[in-house]
Amino acid sequence: MYSSEEQQRAEAAARILDRNRVIARAAIARRHGARIVLANGCFDILHVGHVRYLEAAKALGNLLVVGINSDEQVRRLKGPGRPFVPERERAEVIASLRAVDLVTIFNEPTVEALLAALRPDIHAKGTDYTEASVPEREAVRAYGGRVAIVGDPKDHSSSQMVMQLNRKITGDE
């Protein structure tokens, strides 16, 4: 018999799937009339901006799939020493949020291959973008999807949190 904590961990882990399984689950949901939404990001250190972004993305549809950048891609995007949290743990944290239905880890430099394979109705991006500046907007339009900008203003950043923490530790505040 599982403890409540073990059961929650198992439920979150069950929502972390490889790309093919995510595509299959989304296809089943779509056949039942679900609107599929894809959000993506590094989610290295979870903060309230991430939660608000994902909750707003979920509000756009019925099935929220979150694509998480692999460790290799986070290193390329954020630099040496990143990510702070390994991909599997980042995926588990995101999968444990109530707004999130499925999580997959992608290893490509952009989310375009996942978009092309999944073909979500909506690709949700945070407010650090405009619809015109979303790098994947043409890939989304190509299959008939749409881009939506969601979440609160970009006032939160994992990188800024780390810099603040470093200043506190070193007394440079």
N, C-alpha and C. Protein backbone atom coordinates (compact mmCIF):
# COMPACT_ATOMS: atom_id res chain seq x y z
N MET A 1 0.84 -1.18 0.00
CA MET A 1 0.00 0.00 0.00
C MET A 1 0.88 1.24 0.00
N TYR A 2 0.52 2.21 -0.83
CA TYR A 2 1.30 3.43 -0.96
C TYR A 2 0.89 4.46 0.08
N SER A 3 1.88 5.24 0.52
CA SER A 3 1.56 6.41 1.33
C SER A 3 1.04 7.47 0.38
N SER A 4 0.42 8.49 0.91
CA SER A 4 -0.12 9.57 0.10
C SER A 4 0.99 10.22 -0.73
N GLU A 5 2.14 10.42 -0.13
CA GLU A 5 3.28 11.03 -0.83
C GLU A 5 3.77 10.14 -1.97
N GLU A 6 3.87 8.85 -1.72
CA GLU A 6 4.30 7.91 -2.77
C GLU A 6 3.30 7.86 -3.91
N GLN A 7 2.03 7.91 -3.56
CA GLN A 7 0.98 7.88 -4.57
C GLN A 7 1.05 9.14 -5.44
N GLN A 8 1.26 10.32 -4.81
CA GLN A 8 1.37 11.55 -5.58
C GLN A 8 2.57 11.50 -6.52
N ARG A 9 3.71 10.99 -6.04
CA ARG A 9 4.90 10.86 -6.87
C ARG A 9 4.64 9.92 -8.05
N ALA A 10 3.97 8.82 -7.78
CA ALA A 10 3.66 7.85 -8.84
C ALA A 10 2.72 8.46 -9.88
N GLU A 11 1.74 9.23 -9.43
CA GLU A 11 0.81 9.87 -10.35
C GLU A 11 1.52 10.89 -11.23
N ALA A 12 2.41 11.67 -10.63
CA ALA A 12 3.18 12.65 -11.42
C ALA A 12 4.05 11.93 -12.43
N ALA A 13 4.74 10.88 -12.00
CA ALA A 13 5.62 10.12 -12.90
C ALA A 13 4.84 9.52 -14.07
N ALA A 14 3.61 9.13 -13.83
CA ALA A 14 2.78 8.54 -14.88
C ALA A 14 2.39 9.56 -15.95
N ARG A 15 2.51 10.84 -15.63
CA ARG A 15 2.19 11.89 -16.60
C ARG A 15 3.40 12.32 -17.42
N ILE A 16 4.57 11.77 -17.12
CA ILE A 16 5.79 12.07 -17.87
C ILE A 16 5.97 10.97 -18.91
N LEU A 17 5.83 11.33 -20.17
CA LEU A 17 5.83 10.34 -21.24
C LEU A 17 6.81 10.73 -22.34
N ASP A 18 7.25 9.73 -23.09
CA ASP A 18 8.07 10.05 -24.25
C ASP A 18 7.15 10.65 -25.33
N ARG A 19 7.76 11.22 -26.33
CA ARG A 19 7.01 11.95 -27.35
C ARG A 19 5.92 11.10 -28.01
N ASN A 20 6.23 9.86 -28.38
CA ASN A 20 5.24 9.03 -29.07
C ASN A 20 4.03 8.77 -28.19
N ARG A 21 4.24 8.54 -26.92
CA ARG A 21 3.10 8.29 -26.01
C ARG A 21 2.27 9.56 -25.80
N VAL A 22 2.94 10.70 -25.73
CA VAL A 22 2.21 11.97 -25.61
C VAL A 22 1.34 12.17 -26.85
N ILE A 23 1.90 11.92 -28.01
CA ILE A 23 1.16 12.09 -29.26
C ILE A 23 -0.05 11.16 -29.28
N ALA A 24 0.14 9.92 -28.86
CA ALA A 24 -0.97 8.95 -28.83
C ALA A 24 -2.06 9.40 -27.86
N ARG A 25 -1.66 9.84 -26.66
CA ARG A 25 -2.65 10.29 -25.66
C ARG A 25 -3.39 11.53 -26.15
N ALA A 26 -2.68 12.44 -26.80
CA ALA A 26 -3.32 13.64 -27.33
C ALA A 26 -4.29 13.28 -28.45
N ALA A 27 -3.93 12.31 -29.28
CA ALA A 27 -4.82 11.89 -30.37
C ALA A 27 -6.11 11.31 -29.82
N ILE A 28 -6.02 10.53 -28.78
CA ILE A 28 -7.22 9.97 -28.14
C ILE A 28 -8.08 11.09 -27.57
N ALA A 29 -7.45 12.01 -26.87
CA ALA A 29 -8.19 13.14 -26.30
C ALA A 29 -8.84 13.97 -27.40
N ARG A 30 -8.12 14.20 -28.49
CA ARG A 30 -8.66 14.99 -29.60
C ARG A 30 -9.87 14.30 -30.21
N ARG A 31 -9.81 12.98 -30.34
CA ARG A 31 -10.97 12.24 -30.89
C ARG A 31 -12.20 12.39 -30.00
N HIS A 32 -11.98 12.66 -28.73
CA HIS A 32 -13.09 12.88 -27.80
C HIS A 32 -13.44 14.35 -27.66
N GLY A 33 -12.92 15.17 -28.58
CA GLY A 33 -13.30 16.58 -28.63
C GLY A 33 -12.41 17.52 -27.83
N ALA A 34 -11.32 17.05 -27.29
CA ALA A 34 -10.46 17.90 -26.47
C ALA A 34 -9.67 18.88 -27.33
N ARG A 35 -9.47 20.06 -26.79
CA ARG A 35 -8.58 21.06 -27.39
C ARG A 35 -7.22 20.87 -26.72
N ILE A 36 -6.18 20.68 -27.54
CA ILE A 36 -4.83 20.39 -27.04
C ILE A 36 -4.03 21.69 -26.99
N VAL A 37 -3.35 21.91 -25.86
CA VAL A 37 -2.50 23.09 -25.67
C VAL A 37 -1.10 22.60 -25.35
N LEU A 38 -0.10 23.22 -25.98
CA LEU A 38 1.29 22.92 -25.66
C LEU A 38 1.94 24.17 -25.09
N ALA A 39 2.59 24.01 -23.94
CA ALA A 39 3.43 25.04 -23.35
C ALA A 39 4.82 24.43 -23.24
N ASN A 40 5.84 25.25 -23.18
CA ASN A 40 7.19 24.69 -23.07
C ASN A 40 8.12 25.64 -22.33
N GLY A 41 9.22 25.06 -21.85
CA GLY A 41 10.21 25.87 -21.17
C GLY A 41 11.25 25.02 -20.47
N CYS A 42 12.21 25.70 -19.86
CA CYS A 42 13.27 25.01 -19.10
C CYS A 42 12.78 24.63 -17.71
N PHE A 43 12.05 25.53 -17.05
CA PHE A 43 11.51 25.29 -15.71
C PHE A 43 12.60 24.81 -14.75
N ASP A 44 13.75 25.49 -14.78
CA ASP A 44 14.89 25.05 -13.98
C ASP A 44 14.64 25.23 -12.49
N ILE A 45 14.20 26.39 -12.09
CA ILE A 45 13.81 26.61 -10.69
C ILE A 45 12.39 27.16 -10.76
N LEU A 46 11.46 26.38 -10.29
CA LEU A 46 10.05 26.73 -10.40
C LEU A 46 9.75 27.98 -9.58
N HIS A 47 9.01 28.91 -10.18
CA HIS A 47 8.57 30.10 -9.48
C HIS A 47 7.13 30.41 -9.87
N VAL A 48 6.54 31.40 -9.22
CA VAL A 48 5.13 31.69 -9.41
C VAL A 48 4.81 32.07 -10.86
N GLY A 49 5.74 32.68 -11.56
CA GLY A 49 5.50 33.00 -12.97
C GLY A 49 5.27 31.76 -13.80
N HIS A 50 6.02 30.69 -13.51
CA HIS A 50 5.80 29.42 -14.21
C HIS A 50 4.40 28.88 -13.93
N VAL A 51 4.01 28.89 -12.67
CA VAL A 51 2.70 28.36 -12.28
C VAL A 51 1.59 29.14 -12.97
N ARG A 52 1.69 30.45 -12.96
CA ARG A 52 0.65 31.29 -13.59
C ARG A 52 0.61 31.08 -15.10
N TYR A 53 1.77 30.92 -15.72
CA TYR A 53 1.84 30.64 -17.16
C TYR A 53 1.13 29.33 -17.48
N LEU A 54 1.43 28.29 -16.72
CA LEU A 54 0.83 26.98 -17.00
C LEU A 54 -0.66 26.95 -16.69
N GLU A 55 -1.08 27.63 -15.64
CA GLU A 55 -2.52 27.70 -15.34
C GLU A 55 -3.27 28.45 -16.45
N ALA A 56 -2.68 29.53 -16.94
CA ALA A 56 -3.31 30.28 -18.03
C ALA A 56 -3.34 29.46 -19.32
N ALA A 57 -2.28 28.69 -19.56
CA ALA A 57 -2.25 27.83 -20.74
C ALA A 57 -3.35 26.77 -20.65
N LYS A 58 -3.49 26.16 -19.51
CA LYS A 58 -4.52 25.13 -19.30
C LYS A 58 -5.92 25.69 -19.55
N ALA A 59 -6.14 26.95 -19.17
CA ALA A 59 -7.46 27.57 -19.33
C ALA A 59 -7.86 27.69 -20.80
N LEU A 60 -6.91 27.55 -21.71
CA LEU A 60 -7.20 27.66 -23.14
C LEU A 60 -7.72 26.38 -23.76
N GLY A 61 -7.62 25.27 -23.05
CA GLY A 61 -8.02 24.01 -23.65
C GLY A 61 -8.35 22.96 -22.62
N ASN A 62 -8.36 21.72 -23.07
CA ASN A 62 -8.73 20.59 -22.22
C ASN A 62 -7.56 19.73 -21.79
N LEU A 63 -6.52 19.68 -22.63
CA LEU A 63 -5.35 18.85 -22.33
C LEU A 63 -4.11 19.72 -22.47
N LEU A 64 -3.41 19.93 -21.35
CA LEU A 64 -2.18 20.72 -21.38
C LEU A 64 -0.98 19.79 -21.38
N VAL A 65 -0.21 19.87 -22.46
CA VAL A 65 1.04 19.14 -22.60
C VAL A 65 2.16 20.16 -22.38
N VAL A 66 3.13 19.81 -21.55
CA VAL A 66 4.26 20.69 -21.31
C VAL A 66 5.53 20.02 -21.83
N GLY A 67 6.22 20.71 -22.73
CA GLY A 67 7.50 20.26 -23.24
C GLY A 67 8.61 20.90 -22.41
N ILE A 68 9.50 20.08 -21.90
CA ILE A 68 10.61 20.56 -21.07
C ILE A 68 11.92 20.37 -21.82
N ASN A 69 12.71 21.44 -21.88
CA ASN A 69 14.01 21.35 -22.53
C ASN A 69 14.89 20.35 -21.79
N SER A 70 15.59 19.52 -22.55
CA SER A 70 16.53 18.55 -21.97
C SER A 70 17.67 19.29 -21.28
N ASP A 71 18.40 18.57 -20.44
CA ASP A 71 19.56 19.16 -19.77
C ASP A 71 20.54 19.74 -20.78
N GLU A 72 20.79 19.00 -21.86
CA GLU A 72 21.73 19.46 -22.88
C GLU A 72 21.30 20.80 -23.48
N GLN A 73 20.01 20.93 -23.77
CA GLN A 73 19.51 22.16 -24.37
C GLN A 73 19.51 23.31 -23.36
N VAL A 74 19.22 23.02 -22.10
CA VAL A 74 19.27 24.08 -21.08
C VAL A 74 20.69 24.62 -20.98
N ARG A 75 21.69 23.72 -21.00
CA ARG A 75 23.10 24.17 -20.97
C ARG A 75 23.40 25.10 -22.15
N ARG A 76 22.90 24.74 -23.32
CA ARG A 76 23.13 25.57 -24.50
C ARG A 76 22.44 26.93 -24.38
N LEU A 77 21.23 26.92 -23.81
CA LEU A 77 20.47 28.17 -23.68
C LEU A 77 20.95 29.05 -22.53
N LYS A 78 21.25 28.44 -21.40
CA LYS A 78 21.52 29.19 -20.17
C LYS A 78 23.00 29.26 -19.80
N GLY A 79 23.82 28.37 -20.37
CA GLY A 79 25.25 28.41 -20.10
C GLY A 79 25.72 27.34 -19.14
N PRO A 80 27.03 27.31 -18.91
CA PRO A 80 27.62 26.30 -18.03
C PRO A 80 27.03 26.39 -16.62
N GLY A 81 26.94 25.25 -15.97
CA GLY A 81 26.39 25.21 -14.62
C GLY A 81 24.89 25.08 -14.58
N ARG A 82 24.26 25.13 -15.72
CA ARG A 82 22.81 24.97 -15.78
C ARG A 82 22.51 23.68 -16.52
N PRO A 83 21.43 23.04 -16.29
CA PRO A 83 20.41 23.41 -15.31
C PRO A 83 20.87 23.09 -13.88
N PHE A 84 20.19 23.68 -12.93
CA PHE A 84 20.45 23.38 -11.53
C PHE A 84 19.75 22.08 -11.13
N VAL A 85 18.63 21.83 -11.79
CA VAL A 85 17.81 20.66 -11.50
C VAL A 85 17.79 19.76 -12.73
N PRO A 86 18.09 18.46 -12.58
CA PRO A 86 18.10 17.55 -13.74
C PRO A 86 16.72 17.44 -14.41
N GLU A 87 16.73 17.14 -15.71
CA GLU A 87 15.50 17.12 -16.51
C GLU A 87 14.40 16.25 -15.93
N ARG A 88 14.75 15.09 -15.45
CA ARG A 88 13.72 14.17 -14.93
C ARG A 88 13.04 14.77 -13.69
N GLU A 89 13.82 15.43 -12.84
CA GLU A 89 13.25 16.07 -11.65
C GLU A 89 12.42 17.29 -12.03
N ARG A 90 12.89 18.07 -13.01
CA ARG A 90 12.10 19.21 -13.48
C ARG A 90 10.77 18.72 -14.04
N ALA A 91 10.81 17.63 -14.79
CA ALA A 91 9.59 17.06 -15.35
C ALA A 91 8.63 16.61 -14.25
N GLU A 92 9.16 16.00 -13.20
CA GLU A 92 8.32 15.54 -12.10
C GLU A 92 7.66 16.71 -11.37
N VAL A 93 8.42 17.77 -11.16
CA VAL A 93 7.85 18.96 -10.50
C VAL A 93 6.72 19.53 -11.34
N ILE A 94 6.95 19.69 -12.64
CA ILE A 94 5.92 20.24 -13.53
C ILE A 94 4.72 19.30 -13.60
N ALA A 95 4.95 18.01 -13.69
CA ALA A 95 3.85 17.03 -13.77
C ALA A 95 3.01 17.04 -12.50
N SER A 96 3.57 17.49 -11.39
CA SER A 96 2.81 17.49 -10.14
C SER A 96 1.86 18.68 -10.02
N LEU A 97 1.95 19.64 -10.92
CA LEU A 97 1.06 20.80 -10.88
C LEU A 97 -0.33 20.42 -11.40
N ARG A 98 -1.36 20.92 -10.75
CA ARG A 98 -2.73 20.52 -11.11
C ARG A 98 -3.12 20.90 -12.52
N ALA A 99 -2.53 21.97 -13.07
CA ALA A 99 -2.91 22.41 -14.42
C ALA A 99 -2.34 21.51 -15.51
N VAL A 100 -1.32 20.75 -15.19
CA VAL A 100 -0.57 19.99 -16.20
C VAL A 100 -1.11 18.58 -16.34
N ASP A 101 -1.37 18.18 -17.59
CA ASP A 101 -1.87 16.84 -17.86
C ASP A 101 -0.76 15.88 -18.27
N LEU A 102 0.11 16.31 -19.16
CA LEU A 102 1.19 15.46 -19.66
C LEU A 102 2.47 16.27 -19.80
N VAL A 103 3.60 15.60 -19.61
CA VAL A 103 4.91 16.24 -19.73
C VAL A 103 5.79 15.36 -20.61
N THR A 104 6.57 16.02 -21.45
CA THR A 104 7.57 15.31 -22.25
C THR A 104 8.84 16.16 -22.29
N ILE A 105 9.95 15.50 -22.40
CA ILE A 105 11.24 16.17 -22.47
C ILE A 105 11.69 16.16 -23.92
N PHE A 106 12.10 17.33 -24.43
CA PHE A 106 12.58 17.36 -25.81
C PHE A 106 14.04 17.78 -25.86
N ASN A 107 14.76 17.20 -26.81
CA ASN A 107 16.20 17.42 -26.89
C ASN A 107 16.61 18.31 -28.06
N GLU A 108 15.67 18.74 -28.86
CA GLU A 108 16.01 19.62 -29.98
C GLU A 108 16.23 21.05 -29.48
N PRO A 109 16.94 21.87 -30.25
CA PRO A 109 17.19 23.25 -29.83
C PRO A 109 15.93 24.11 -29.70
N THR A 110 14.91 23.77 -30.49
CA THR A 110 13.63 24.49 -30.39
C THR A 110 12.52 23.46 -30.23
N VAL A 111 11.33 23.95 -29.96
CA VAL A 111 10.17 23.08 -29.75
C VAL A 111 9.45 22.76 -31.07
N GLU A 112 10.00 23.20 -32.20
CA GLU A 112 9.32 23.03 -33.48
C GLU A 112 9.03 21.58 -33.84
N ALA A 113 9.95 20.67 -33.61
CA ALA A 113 9.71 19.25 -33.94
C ALA A 113 8.57 18.68 -33.10
N LEU A 114 8.52 19.05 -31.83
CA LEU A 114 7.42 18.60 -30.98
C LEU A 114 6.10 19.18 -31.45
N LEU A 115 6.10 20.45 -31.81
CA LEU A 115 4.89 21.08 -32.35
C LEU A 115 4.41 20.35 -33.60
N ALA A 116 5.33 20.07 -34.52
CA ALA A 116 4.96 19.41 -35.79
C ALA A 116 4.40 18.02 -35.54
N ALA A 117 4.94 17.32 -34.55
CA ALA A 117 4.48 15.96 -34.27
C ALA A 117 3.16 15.95 -33.49
N LEU A 118 3.03 16.84 -32.54
CA LEU A 118 1.85 16.88 -31.67
C LEU A 118 0.69 17.63 -32.31
N ARG A 119 1.01 18.70 -33.04
CA ARG A 119 0.01 19.55 -33.70
C ARG A 119 -1.05 20.05 -32.71
N PRO A 120 -0.62 20.71 -31.63
CA PRO A 120 -1.60 21.21 -30.68
C PRO A 120 -2.47 22.30 -31.30
N ASP A 121 -3.69 22.42 -30.82
CA ASP A 121 -4.57 23.48 -31.30
C ASP A 121 -3.98 24.85 -30.96
N ILE A 122 -3.36 24.92 -29.78
CA ILE A 122 -2.81 26.18 -29.30
C ILE A 122 -1.40 25.96 -28.76
N HIS A 123 -0.50 26.83 -29.16
CA HIS A 123 0.85 26.85 -28.60
C HIS A 123 0.91 28.06 -27.68
N ALA A 124 0.98 27.83 -26.38
CA ALA A 124 0.98 28.90 -25.39
C ALA A 124 2.40 29.32 -25.06
N LYS A 125 2.64 30.61 -25.13
CA LYS A 125 3.94 31.18 -24.78
C LYS A 125 3.73 32.24 -23.71
N GLY A 126 4.79 32.49 -22.94
CA GLY A 126 4.73 33.47 -21.87
C GLY A 126 4.76 34.90 -22.37
N THR A 127 4.55 35.82 -21.44
CA THR A 127 4.43 37.23 -21.80
C THR A 127 5.75 37.90 -22.13
N ASP A 128 6.85 37.15 -22.10
CA ASP A 128 8.10 37.72 -22.59
C ASP A 128 8.12 37.69 -24.12
N TYR A 129 7.06 37.16 -24.73
CA TYR A 129 6.89 37.13 -26.18
C TYR A 129 5.67 37.95 -26.57
N THR A 130 5.61 38.31 -27.84
CA THR A 130 4.37 38.78 -28.46
C THR A 130 4.06 37.73 -29.52
N GLU A 131 2.84 37.75 -30.04
CA GLU A 131 2.52 36.76 -31.07
C GLU A 131 3.48 36.88 -32.26
N ALA A 132 3.91 38.10 -32.56
CA ALA A 132 4.82 38.31 -33.69
C ALA A 132 6.24 37.83 -33.40
N SER A 133 6.63 37.77 -32.12
CA SER A 133 8.02 37.39 -31.80
C SER A 133 8.20 35.92 -31.43
N VAL A 134 7.13 35.15 -31.41
CA VAL A 134 7.25 33.72 -31.08
C VAL A 134 8.02 33.03 -32.20
N PRO A 135 9.18 32.45 -31.89
CA PRO A 135 10.01 31.86 -32.95
C PRO A 135 9.31 30.75 -33.73
N GLU A 136 8.41 30.03 -33.09
CA GLU A 136 7.74 28.88 -33.74
C GLU A 136 6.42 29.25 -34.41
N ARG A 137 6.09 30.52 -34.48
CA ARG A 137 4.76 30.92 -34.96
C ARG A 137 4.44 30.38 -36.36
N GLU A 138 5.43 30.37 -37.26
CA GLU A 138 5.17 29.89 -38.62
C GLU A 138 4.96 28.38 -38.63
N ALA A 139 5.68 27.65 -37.80
CA ALA A 139 5.48 26.20 -37.69
C ALA A 139 4.07 25.90 -37.19
N VAL A 140 3.58 26.69 -36.26
CA VAL A 140 2.23 26.50 -35.72
C VAL A 140 1.19 26.83 -36.78
N ARG A 141 1.37 27.93 -37.47
CA ARG A 141 0.43 28.33 -38.53
C ARG A 141 0.40 27.30 -39.66
N ALA A 142 1.55 26.68 -39.94
CA ALA A 142 1.66 25.73 -41.05
C ALA A 142 0.69 24.56 -40.89
N TYR A 143 0.42 24.12 -39.68
CA TYR A 143 -0.53 23.01 -39.52
C TYR A 143 -1.92 23.49 -39.07
N GLY A 144 -2.14 24.81 -39.01
CA GLY A 144 -3.46 25.34 -38.69
C GLY A 144 -3.69 25.64 -37.22
N GLY A 145 -2.65 25.60 -36.41
CA GLY A 145 -2.80 25.94 -35.00
C GLY A 145 -2.68 27.44 -34.79
N ARG A 146 -2.80 27.85 -33.53
CA ARG A 146 -2.63 29.25 -33.22
C ARG A 146 -1.73 29.44 -32.01
N VAL A 147 -1.12 30.59 -31.93
CA VAL A 147 -0.24 30.96 -30.82
C VAL A 147 -1.04 31.84 -29.87
N ALA A 148 -0.87 31.63 -28.57
CA ALA A 148 -1.50 32.48 -27.56
C ALA A 148 -0.45 32.90 -26.54
N ILE A 149 -0.48 34.15 -26.16
CA ILE A 149 0.42 34.68 -25.14
C ILE A 149 -0.36 34.68 -23.83
N VAL A 150 0.21 34.00 -22.82
CA VAL A 150 -0.52 33.83 -21.55
C VAL A 150 0.40 34.04 -20.35
N GLY A 151 -0.23 34.22 -19.20
CA GLY A 151 0.51 34.35 -17.95
C GLY A 151 0.59 35.79 -17.51
N ASP A 152 1.25 35.99 -16.39
CA ASP A 152 1.40 37.34 -15.87
C ASP A 152 2.63 38.00 -16.48
N PRO A 153 2.81 39.30 -16.24
CA PRO A 153 4.00 39.96 -16.80
C PRO A 153 5.28 39.24 -16.38
N LYS A 154 6.28 39.30 -17.22
CA LYS A 154 7.54 38.59 -16.98
C LYS A 154 8.33 39.31 -15.88
N ASP A 155 7.85 39.18 -14.65
CA ASP A 155 8.50 39.80 -13.50
C ASP A 155 9.27 38.77 -12.69
N HIS A 156 9.32 37.53 -13.15
CA HIS A 156 9.97 36.46 -12.41
C HIS A 156 10.97 35.76 -13.32
N SER A 157 12.08 35.35 -12.75
CA SER A 157 13.10 34.69 -13.54
C SER A 157 13.95 33.80 -12.64
N SER A 158 14.14 32.55 -13.06
CA SER A 158 15.02 31.64 -12.31
C SER A 158 16.43 32.22 -12.23
N SER A 159 16.91 32.78 -13.33
CA SER A 159 18.25 33.35 -13.35
C SER A 159 18.37 34.51 -12.36
N GLN A 160 17.35 35.36 -12.30
CA GLN A 160 17.37 36.46 -11.34
C GLN A 160 17.32 35.94 -9.90
N MET A 161 16.55 34.90 -9.68
CA MET A 161 16.47 34.31 -8.34
C MET A 161 17.85 33.81 -7.90
N VAL A 162 18.57 33.18 -8.81
CA VAL A 162 19.90 32.66 -8.50
C VAL A 162 20.86 33.81 -8.20
N MET A 163 20.79 34.87 -9.00
CA MET A 163 21.66 36.03 -8.75
C MET A 163 21.37 36.65 -7.39
N GLN A 164 20.08 36.77 -7.04
CA GLN A 164 19.70 37.31 -5.73
C GLN A 164 20.24 36.43 -4.61
N LEU A 165 20.10 35.14 -4.77
CA LEU A 165 20.58 34.20 -3.76
C LEU A 165 22.10 34.32 -3.60
N ASN A 166 22.81 34.42 -4.70
CA ASN A 166 24.27 34.59 -4.65
C ASN A 166 24.65 35.87 -3.91
N ARG A 167 23.91 36.96 -4.18
CA ARG A 167 24.20 38.22 -3.49
C ARG A 167 23.97 38.09 -1.99
N LYS A 168 22.92 37.39 -1.61
CA LYS A 168 22.63 37.19 -0.18
C LYS A 168 23.72 36.35 0.49
N ILE A 169 24.15 35.30 -0.20
CA ILE A 169 25.17 34.40 0.36
C ILE A 169 26.50 35.14 0.52
N THR A 170 26.85 35.94 -0.47
CA THR A 170 28.15 36.62 -0.43
C THR A 170 28.10 37.94 0.33
N GLY A 171 26.89 38.36 0.73
CA GLY A 171 26.75 39.62 1.47
C GLY A 171 26.85 40.86 0.61
N ASP A 172 26.66 40.70 -0.69
CA ASP A 172 26.74 41.83 -1.63
C ASP A 172 25.41 42.54 -1.81
N GLU A 173 24.50 42.37 -0.88
CA GLU A 173 23.17 42.99 -1.00
C GLU A 173 23.19 44.43 -0.61
